[in-house]
Amino acid sequence: SKGRLATITKCFEELSETCFTAGGRVYLVKNVRARQATLIKMYGSRLKDFVALKAQVDPGRVLFNAFLQRNFG
């Protein structure tokens, strides 16, 4: 049910925040369940490097990654 899925999602979001607080990071898999703010705290510093590299190898922005758009905006 939607209510159960929402409860499970909230639990994973809280666990990912706890993971970050303990010094860890979640794996960036297709269906990661973490708040966008938590993912940015975990990966934000490296995201700039990734975006710069992507601009270098894909200047025409041919490659699109829905996961990155959905989770990092």
PDB file of N, CA and C in Angstrom:
ATOM      1  N   SER A   1       0.837  -1.195   0.000  1.00  0.00           N
ATOM      2  CA  SER A   1       0.000   0.000   0.000  1.00  0.00           C
ATOM      3  C   SER A   1       0.875   1.249   0.000  1.00  0.00           C
ATOM      4  N   LYS A   2       0.283   2.373  -0.392  1.00  0.00           N
ATOM      5  CA  LYS A   2       1.025   3.636  -0.448  1.00  0.00           C
ATOM      6  C   LYS A   2       1.513   4.057   0.932  1.00  0.00           C
ATOM      7  N   GLY A   3       0.693   3.833   1.945  1.00  0.00           N
ATOM      8  CA  GLY A   3       1.086   4.211   3.306  1.00  0.00           C
ATOM      9  C   GLY A   3       2.296   3.432   3.787  1.00  0.00           C
ATOM     10  N   ARG A   4       2.325   2.159   3.482  1.00  0.00           N
ATOM     11  CA  ARG A   4       3.453   1.319   3.892  1.00  0.00           C
ATOM     12  C   ARG A   4       4.721   1.718   3.139  1.00  0.00           C
ATOM     13  N   LEU A   5       4.577   1.972   1.837  1.00  0.00           N
ATOM     14  CA  LEU A   5       5.729   2.396   1.048  1.00  0.00           C
ATOM     15  C   LEU A   5       6.273   3.731   1.554  1.00  0.00           C
ATOM     16  N   ALA A   6       5.401   4.647   1.913  1.00  0.00           N
ATOM     17  CA  ALA A   6       5.837   5.943   2.451  1.00  0.00           C
ATOM     18  C   ALA A   6       6.594   5.755   3.763  1.00  0.00           C
ATOM     19  N   THR A   7       6.124   4.839   4.600  1.00  0.00           N
ATOM     20  CA  THR A   7       6.791   4.559   5.877  1.00  0.00           C
ATOM     21  C   THR A   7       8.177   3.963   5.642  1.00  0.00           C
ATOM     22  N   ILE A   8       8.270   3.037   4.702  1.00  0.00           N
ATOM     23  CA  ILE A   8       9.556   2.411   4.386  1.00  0.00           C
ATOM     24  C   ILE A   8      10.517   3.443   3.808  1.00  0.00           C
ATOM     25  N   THR A   9      10.034   4.279   2.904  1.00  0.00           N
ATOM     26  CA  THR A   9      10.869   5.331   2.317  1.00  0.00           C
ATOM     27  C   THR A   9      11.396   6.260   3.393  1.00  0.00           C
ATOM     28  N   LYS A  10      10.543   6.667   4.312  1.00  0.00           N
ATOM     29  CA  LYS A  10      10.960   7.550   5.403  1.00  0.00           C
ATOM     30  C   LYS A  10      12.043   6.882   6.254  1.00  0.00           C
ATOM     31  N   CYS A  11      11.889   5.597   6.518  1.00  0.00           N
ATOM     32  CA  CYS A  11      12.903   4.871   7.291  1.00  0.00           C
ATOM     33  C   CYS A  11      14.253   4.888   6.576  1.00  0.00           C
ATOM     34  N   PHE A  12      14.246   4.619   5.258  1.00  0.00           N
ATOM     35  CA  PHE A  12      15.500   4.648   4.507  1.00  0.00           C
ATOM     36  C   PHE A  12      16.105   6.048   4.478  1.00  0.00           C
ATOM     37  N   GLU A  13      15.277   7.056   4.371  1.00  0.00           N
ATOM     38  CA  GLU A  13      15.785   8.428   4.388  1.00  0.00           C
ATOM     39  C   GLU A  13      16.453   8.737   5.717  1.00  0.00           C
ATOM     40  N   GLU A  14      15.844   8.315   6.803  1.00  0.00           N
ATOM     41  CA  GLU A  14      16.435   8.545   8.124  1.00  0.00           C
ATOM     42  C   GLU A  14      17.707   7.727   8.310  1.00  0.00           C
ATOM     43  N   LEU A  15      17.708   6.492   7.800  1.00  0.00           N
ATOM     44  CA  LEU A  15      18.916   5.662   7.892  1.00  0.00           C
ATOM     45  C   LEU A  15      20.066   6.259   7.089  1.00  0.00           C
ATOM     46  N   SER A  16      19.768   6.823   5.927  1.00  0.00           N
ATOM     47  CA  SER A  16      20.837   7.426   5.133  1.00  0.00           C
ATOM     48  C   SER A  16      21.413   8.655   5.827  1.00  0.00           C
ATOM     49  N   GLU A  17      20.567   9.400   6.526  1.00  0.00           N
ATOM     50  CA  GLU A  17      21.066  10.546   7.298  1.00  0.00           C
ATOM     51  C   GLU A  17      21.947  10.064   8.449  1.00  0.00           C
ATOM     52  N   THR A  18      21.538   8.997   9.104  1.00  0.00           N
ATOM     53  CA  THR A  18      22.346   8.409  10.182  1.00  0.00           C
ATOM     54  C   THR A  18      23.669   7.901   9.625  1.00  0.00           C
ATOM     55  N   CYS A  19      23.632   7.295   8.460  1.00  0.00           N
ATOM     56  CA  CYS A  19      24.845   6.820   7.802  1.00  0.00           C
ATOM     57  C   CYS A  19      25.818   7.981   7.571  1.00  0.00           C
ATOM     58  N   PHE A  20      25.311   9.098   7.055  1.00  0.00           N
ATOM     59  CA  PHE A  20      26.155  10.262   6.819  1.00  0.00           C
ATOM     60  C   PHE A  20      26.728  10.797   8.131  1.00  0.00           C
ATOM     61  N   THR A  21      25.890  10.885   9.148  1.00  0.00           N
ATOM     62  CA  THR A  21      26.329  11.385  10.461  1.00  0.00           C
ATOM     63  C   THR A  21      27.460  10.523  11.023  1.00  0.00           C
ATOM     64  N   ALA A  22      27.426   9.226  10.715  1.00  0.00           N
ATOM     65  CA  ALA A  22      28.460   8.312  11.190  1.00  0.00           C
ATOM     66  C   ALA A  22      29.695   8.316  10.285  1.00  0.00           C
ATOM     67  N   GLY A  23      29.671   9.137   9.226  1.00  0.00           N
ATOM     68  CA  GLY A  23      30.829   9.252   8.346  1.00  0.00           C
ATOM     69  C   GLY A  23      30.738   8.431   7.078  1.00  0.00           C
ATOM     70  N   GLY A  24      29.583   7.840   6.826  1.00  0.00           N
ATOM     71  CA  GLY A  24      29.437   6.997   5.646  1.00  0.00           C
ATOM     72  C   GLY A  24      28.668   7.670   4.531  1.00  0.00           C
ATOM     73  N   ARG A  25      28.491   6.922   3.455  1.00  0.00           N
ATOM     74  CA  ARG A  25      27.704   7.373   2.314  1.00  0.00           C
ATOM     75  C   ARG A  25      26.901   6.190   1.792  1.00  0.00           C
ATOM     76  N   VAL A  26      25.736   6.471   1.252  1.00  0.00           N
ATOM     77  CA  VAL A  26      24.939   5.420   0.625  1.00  0.00           C
ATOM     78  C   VAL A  26      25.484   5.176  -0.774  1.00  0.00           C
ATOM     79  N   TYR A  27      25.255   3.972  -1.288  1.00  0.00           N
ATOM     80  CA  TYR A  27      25.611   3.680  -2.667  1.00  0.00           C
ATOM     81  C   TYR A  27      24.588   4.335  -3.573  1.00  0.00           C
ATOM     82  N   LEU A  28      25.057   4.887  -4.664  1.00  0.00           N
ATOM     83  CA  LEU A  28      24.171   5.553  -5.609  1.00  0.00           C
ATOM     84  C   LEU A  28      23.653   4.531  -6.617  1.00  0.00           C
ATOM     85  N   VAL A  29      22.608   3.834  -6.202  1.00  0.00           N
ATOM     86  CA  VAL A  29      21.963   2.843  -7.047  1.00  0.00           C
ATOM     87  C   VAL A  29      20.705   3.440  -7.649  1.00  0.00           C
ATOM     88  N   LYS A  30      20.097   2.732  -8.568  1.00  0.00           N
ATOM     89  CA  LYS A  30      18.940   3.245  -9.302  1.00  0.00           C
ATOM     90  C   LYS A  30      17.848   3.801  -8.397  1.00  0.00           C
ATOM     91  N   ASN A  31      17.529   3.125  -7.334  1.00  0.00           N
ATOM     92  CA  ASN A  31      16.418   3.527  -6.477  1.00  0.00           C
ATOM     93  C   ASN A  31      16.864   3.881  -5.065  1.00  0.00           C
ATOM     94  N   VAL A  32      17.869   4.726  -4.967  1.00  0.00           N
ATOM     95  CA  VAL A  32      18.329   5.150  -3.649  1.00  0.00           C
ATOM     96  C   VAL A  32      17.205   5.923  -2.957  1.00  0.00           C
ATOM     97  N   ARG A  33      17.048   5.685  -1.672  1.00  0.00           N
ATOM     98  CA  ARG A  33      16.020   6.367  -0.891  1.00  0.00           C
ATOM     99  C   ARG A  33      16.717   7.222   0.166  1.00  0.00           C
ATOM    100  N   ALA A  34      16.942   8.458  -0.211  1.00  0.00           N
ATOM    101  CA  ALA A  34      17.587   9.421   0.682  1.00  0.00           C
ATOM    102  C   ALA A  34      17.082  10.797   0.293  1.00  0.00           C
ATOM    103  N   ARG A  35      17.080  11.694   1.249  1.00  0.00           N
ATOM    104  CA  ARG A  35      16.679  13.066   0.943  1.00  0.00           C
ATOM    105  C   ARG A  35      17.739  13.708   0.045  1.00  0.00           C
ATOM    106  N   GLN A  36      17.291  14.572  -0.850  1.00  0.00           N
ATOM    107  CA  GLN A  36      18.218  15.241  -1.755  1.00  0.00           C
ATOM    108  C   GLN A  36      19.296  15.986  -0.961  1.00  0.00           C
ATOM    109  N   ALA A  37      18.917  16.633   0.114  1.00  0.00           N
ATOM    110  CA  ALA A  37      19.884  17.381   0.925  1.00  0.00           C
ATOM    111  C   ALA A  37      20.952  16.450   1.505  1.00  0.00           C
ATOM    112  N   THR A  38      20.565  15.248   1.891  1.00  0.00           N
ATOM    113  CA  THR A  38      21.523  14.280   2.433  1.00  0.00           C
ATOM    114  C   THR A  38      22.496  13.838   1.351  1.00  0.00           C
ATOM    115  N   LEU A  39      21.980  13.551   0.159  1.00  0.00           N
ATOM    116  CA  LEU A  39      22.862  13.140  -0.935  1.00  0.00           C
ATOM    117  C   LEU A  39      23.841  14.243  -1.304  1.00  0.00           C
ATOM    118  N   ILE A  40      23.381  15.466  -1.288  1.00  0.00           N
ATOM    119  CA  ILE A  40      24.269  16.590  -1.594  1.00  0.00           C
ATOM    120  C   ILE A  40      25.348  16.716  -0.530  1.00  0.00           C
ATOM    121  N   LYS A  41      24.996  16.500   0.738  1.00  0.00           N
ATOM    122  CA  LYS A  41      26.016  16.535   1.790  1.00  0.00           C
ATOM    123  C   LYS A  41      27.027  15.412   1.593  1.00  0.00           C
ATOM    124  N   MET A  42      26.553  14.249   1.166  1.00  0.00           N
ATOM    125  CA  MET A  42      27.438  13.095   0.987  1.00  0.00           C
ATOM    126  C   MET A  42      28.339  13.234  -0.229  1.00  0.00           C
ATOM    127  N   TYR A  43      27.797  13.730  -1.329  1.00  0.00           N
ATOM    128  CA  TYR A  43      28.499  13.694  -2.604  1.00  0.00           C
ATOM    129  C   TYR A  43      28.737  15.057  -3.244  1.00  0.00           C
ATOM    130  N   GLY A  44      28.223  16.114  -2.656  1.00  0.00           N
ATOM    131  CA  GLY A  44      28.284  17.432  -3.268  1.00  0.00           C
ATOM    132  C   GLY A  44      29.665  17.899  -3.662  1.00  0.00           C
ATOM    133  N   SER A  45      30.646  17.661  -2.817  1.00  0.00           N
ATOM    134  CA  SER A  45      31.999  18.128  -3.134  1.00  0.00           C
ATOM    135  C   SER A  45      32.561  17.412  -4.357  1.00  0.00           C
ATOM    136  N   ARG A  46      32.239  16.156  -4.548  1.00  0.00           N
ATOM    137  CA  ARG A  46      32.717  15.392  -5.697  1.00  0.00           C
ATOM    138  C   ARG A  46      31.840  15.615  -6.929  1.00  0.00           C
ATOM    139  N   LEU A  47      30.618  16.054  -6.708  1.00  0.00           N
ATOM    140  CA  LEU A  47      29.698  16.282  -7.818  1.00  0.00           C
ATOM    141  C   LEU A  47      30.226  17.363  -8.759  1.00  0.00           C
ATOM    142  N   LYS A  48      30.860  18.389  -8.193  1.00  0.00           N
ATOM    143  CA  LYS A  48      31.429  19.451  -9.026  1.00  0.00           C
ATOM    144  C   LYS A  48      32.480  18.885  -9.978  1.00  0.00           C
ATOM    145  N   ASP A  49      33.312  17.979  -9.478  1.00  0.00           N
ATOM    146  CA  ASP A  49      34.327  17.345 -10.315  1.00  0.00           C
ATOM    147  C   ASP A  49      33.671  16.517 -11.424  1.00  0.00           C
ATOM    148  N   PHE A  50      32.619  15.793 -11.063  1.00  0.00           N
ATOM    149  CA  PHE A  50      31.913  14.975 -12.040  1.00  0.00           C
ATOM    150  C   PHE A  50      31.299  15.835 -13.136  1.00  0.00           C
ATOM    151  N   VAL A  51      30.638  16.917 -12.750  1.00  0.00           N
ATOM    152  CA  VAL A  51      29.997  17.806 -13.719  1.00  0.00           C
ATOM    153  C   VAL A  51      31.048  18.415 -14.646  1.00  0.00           C
ATOM    154  N   ALA A  52      32.203  18.792 -14.104  1.00  0.00           N
ATOM    155  CA  ALA A  52      33.282  19.360 -14.927  1.00  0.00           C
ATOM    156  C   ALA A  52      33.797  18.323 -15.918  1.00  0.00           C
ATOM    157  N   LEU A  53      33.985  17.092 -15.470  1.00  0.00           N
ATOM    158  CA  LEU A  53      34.454  16.028 -16.358  1.00  0.00           C
ATOM    159  C   LEU A  53      33.415  15.730 -17.432  1.00  0.00           C
ATOM    160  N   LYS A  54      32.155  15.683 -17.051  1.00  0.00           N
ATOM    161  CA  LYS A  54      31.087  15.419 -18.018  1.00  0.00           C
ATOM    162  C   LYS A  54      31.055  16.522 -19.085  1.00  0.00           C
ATOM    163  N   ALA A  55      31.210  17.770 -18.679  1.00  0.00           N
ATOM    164  CA  ALA A  55      31.224  18.880 -19.638  1.00  0.00           C
ATOM    165  C   ALA A  55      32.379  18.739 -20.614  1.00  0.00           C
ATOM    166  N   GLN A  56      33.479  18.192 -20.131  1.00  0.00           N
ATOM    167  CA  GLN A  56      34.658  18.020 -20.975  1.00  0.00           C
ATOM    168  C   GLN A  56      34.455  16.898 -22.003  1.00  0.00           C
ATOM    169  N   VAL A  57      33.866  15.778 -21.570  1.00  0.00           N
ATOM    170  CA  VAL A  57      33.727  14.626 -22.470  1.00  0.00           C
ATOM    171  C   VAL A  57      32.393  14.607 -23.219  1.00  0.00           C
ATOM    172  N   ASP A  58      31.430  15.400 -22.775  1.00  0.00           N
ATOM    173  CA  ASP A  58      30.116  15.452 -23.428  1.00  0.00           C
ATOM    174  C   ASP A  58      29.646  16.902 -23.541  1.00  0.00           C
ATOM    175  N   PRO A  59      30.406  17.736 -24.278  1.00  0.00           N
ATOM    176  CA  PRO A  59      30.050  19.161 -24.359  1.00  0.00           C
ATOM    177  C   PRO A  59      28.689  19.414 -25.014  1.00  0.00           C
ATOM    178  N   GLY A  60      28.245  18.495 -25.859  1.00  0.00           N
ATOM    179  CA  GLY A  60      26.947  18.653 -26.497  1.00  0.00           C
ATOM    180  C   GLY A  60      25.789  18.174 -25.638  1.00  0.00           C
ATOM    181  N   ARG A  61      26.098  17.698 -24.447  1.00  0.00           N
ATOM    182  CA  ARG A  61      25.098  17.182 -23.497  1.00  0.00           C
ATOM    183  C   ARG A  61      24.200  16.128 -24.139  1.00  0.00           C
ATOM    184  N   VAL A  62      24.832  15.202 -24.832  1.00  0.00           N
ATOM    185  CA  VAL A  62      24.109  14.118 -25.484  1.00  0.00           C
ATOM    186  C   VAL A  62      23.659  13.087 -24.454  1.00  0.00           C
ATOM    187  N   LEU A  63      24.528  12.800 -23.508  1.00  0.00           N
ATOM    188  CA  LEU A  63      24.227  11.802 -22.480  1.00  0.00           C
ATOM    189  C   LEU A  63      23.382  12.425 -21.377  1.00  0.00           C
ATOM    190  N   PHE A  64      22.313  11.752 -21.018  1.00  0.00           N
ATOM    191  CA  PHE A  64      21.409  12.238 -19.986  1.00  0.00           C
ATOM    192  C   PHE A  64      21.273  11.177 -18.920  1.00  0.00           C
ATOM    193  N   ASN A  65      21.280  11.591 -17.676  1.00  0.00           N
ATOM    194  CA  ASN A  65      21.168  10.653 -16.575  1.00  0.00           C
ATOM    195  C   ASN A  65      19.995  11.075 -15.691  1.00  0.00           C
ATOM    196  N   ALA A  66      18.880  10.376 -15.820  1.00  0.00           N
ATOM    197  CA  ALA A  66      17.681  10.706 -15.052  1.00  0.00           C
ATOM    198  C   ALA A  66      17.926  10.585 -13.554  1.00  0.00           C
ATOM    199  N   PHE A  67      18.780   9.635 -13.161  1.00  0.00           N
ATOM    200  CA  PHE A  67      19.088   9.454 -11.741  1.00  0.00           C
ATOM    201  C   PHE A  67      19.717  10.716 -11.164  1.00  0.00           C
ATOM    202  N   LEU A  68      20.714  11.243 -11.852  1.00  0.00           N
ATOM    203  CA  LEU A  68      21.380  12.461 -11.360  1.00  0.00           C
ATOM    204  C   LEU A  68      20.412  13.632 -11.327  1.00  0.00           C
ATOM    205  N   GLN A  69      19.613  13.773 -12.363  1.00  0.00           N
ATOM    206  CA  GLN A  69      18.628  14.868 -12.388  1.00  0.00           C
ATOM    207  C   GLN A  69      17.636  14.738 -11.233  1.00  0.00           C
ATOM    208  N   ARG A  70      17.168  13.525 -11.010  1.00  0.00           N
ATOM    209  CA  ARG A  70      16.164  13.294  -9.975  1.00  0.00           C
ATOM    210  C   ARG A  70      16.736  13.527  -8.566  1.00  0.00           C
ATOM    211  N   ASN A  71      17.978  13.129  -8.355  1.00  0.00           N
ATOM    212  CA  ASN A  71      18.533  13.180  -7.005  1.00  0.00           C
ATOM    213  C   ASN A  71      19.392  14.399  -6.711  1.00  0.00           C
ATOM    214  N   PHE A  72      19.936  15.022  -7.747  1.00  0.00           N
ATOM    215  CA  PHE A  72      20.808  16.170  -7.521  1.00  0.00           C
ATOM    216  C   PHE A  72      20.319  17.441  -8.202  1.00  0.00           C
ATOM    217  N   GLY A  73      19.290  17.320  -9.017  1.00  0.00           N
ATOM    218  CA  GLY A  73      18.719  18.494  -9.657  1.00  0.00           C
ATOM    219  C   GLY A  73      19.532  19.032 -10.797  1.00  0.00           C
TER     220      GLY A  73
END
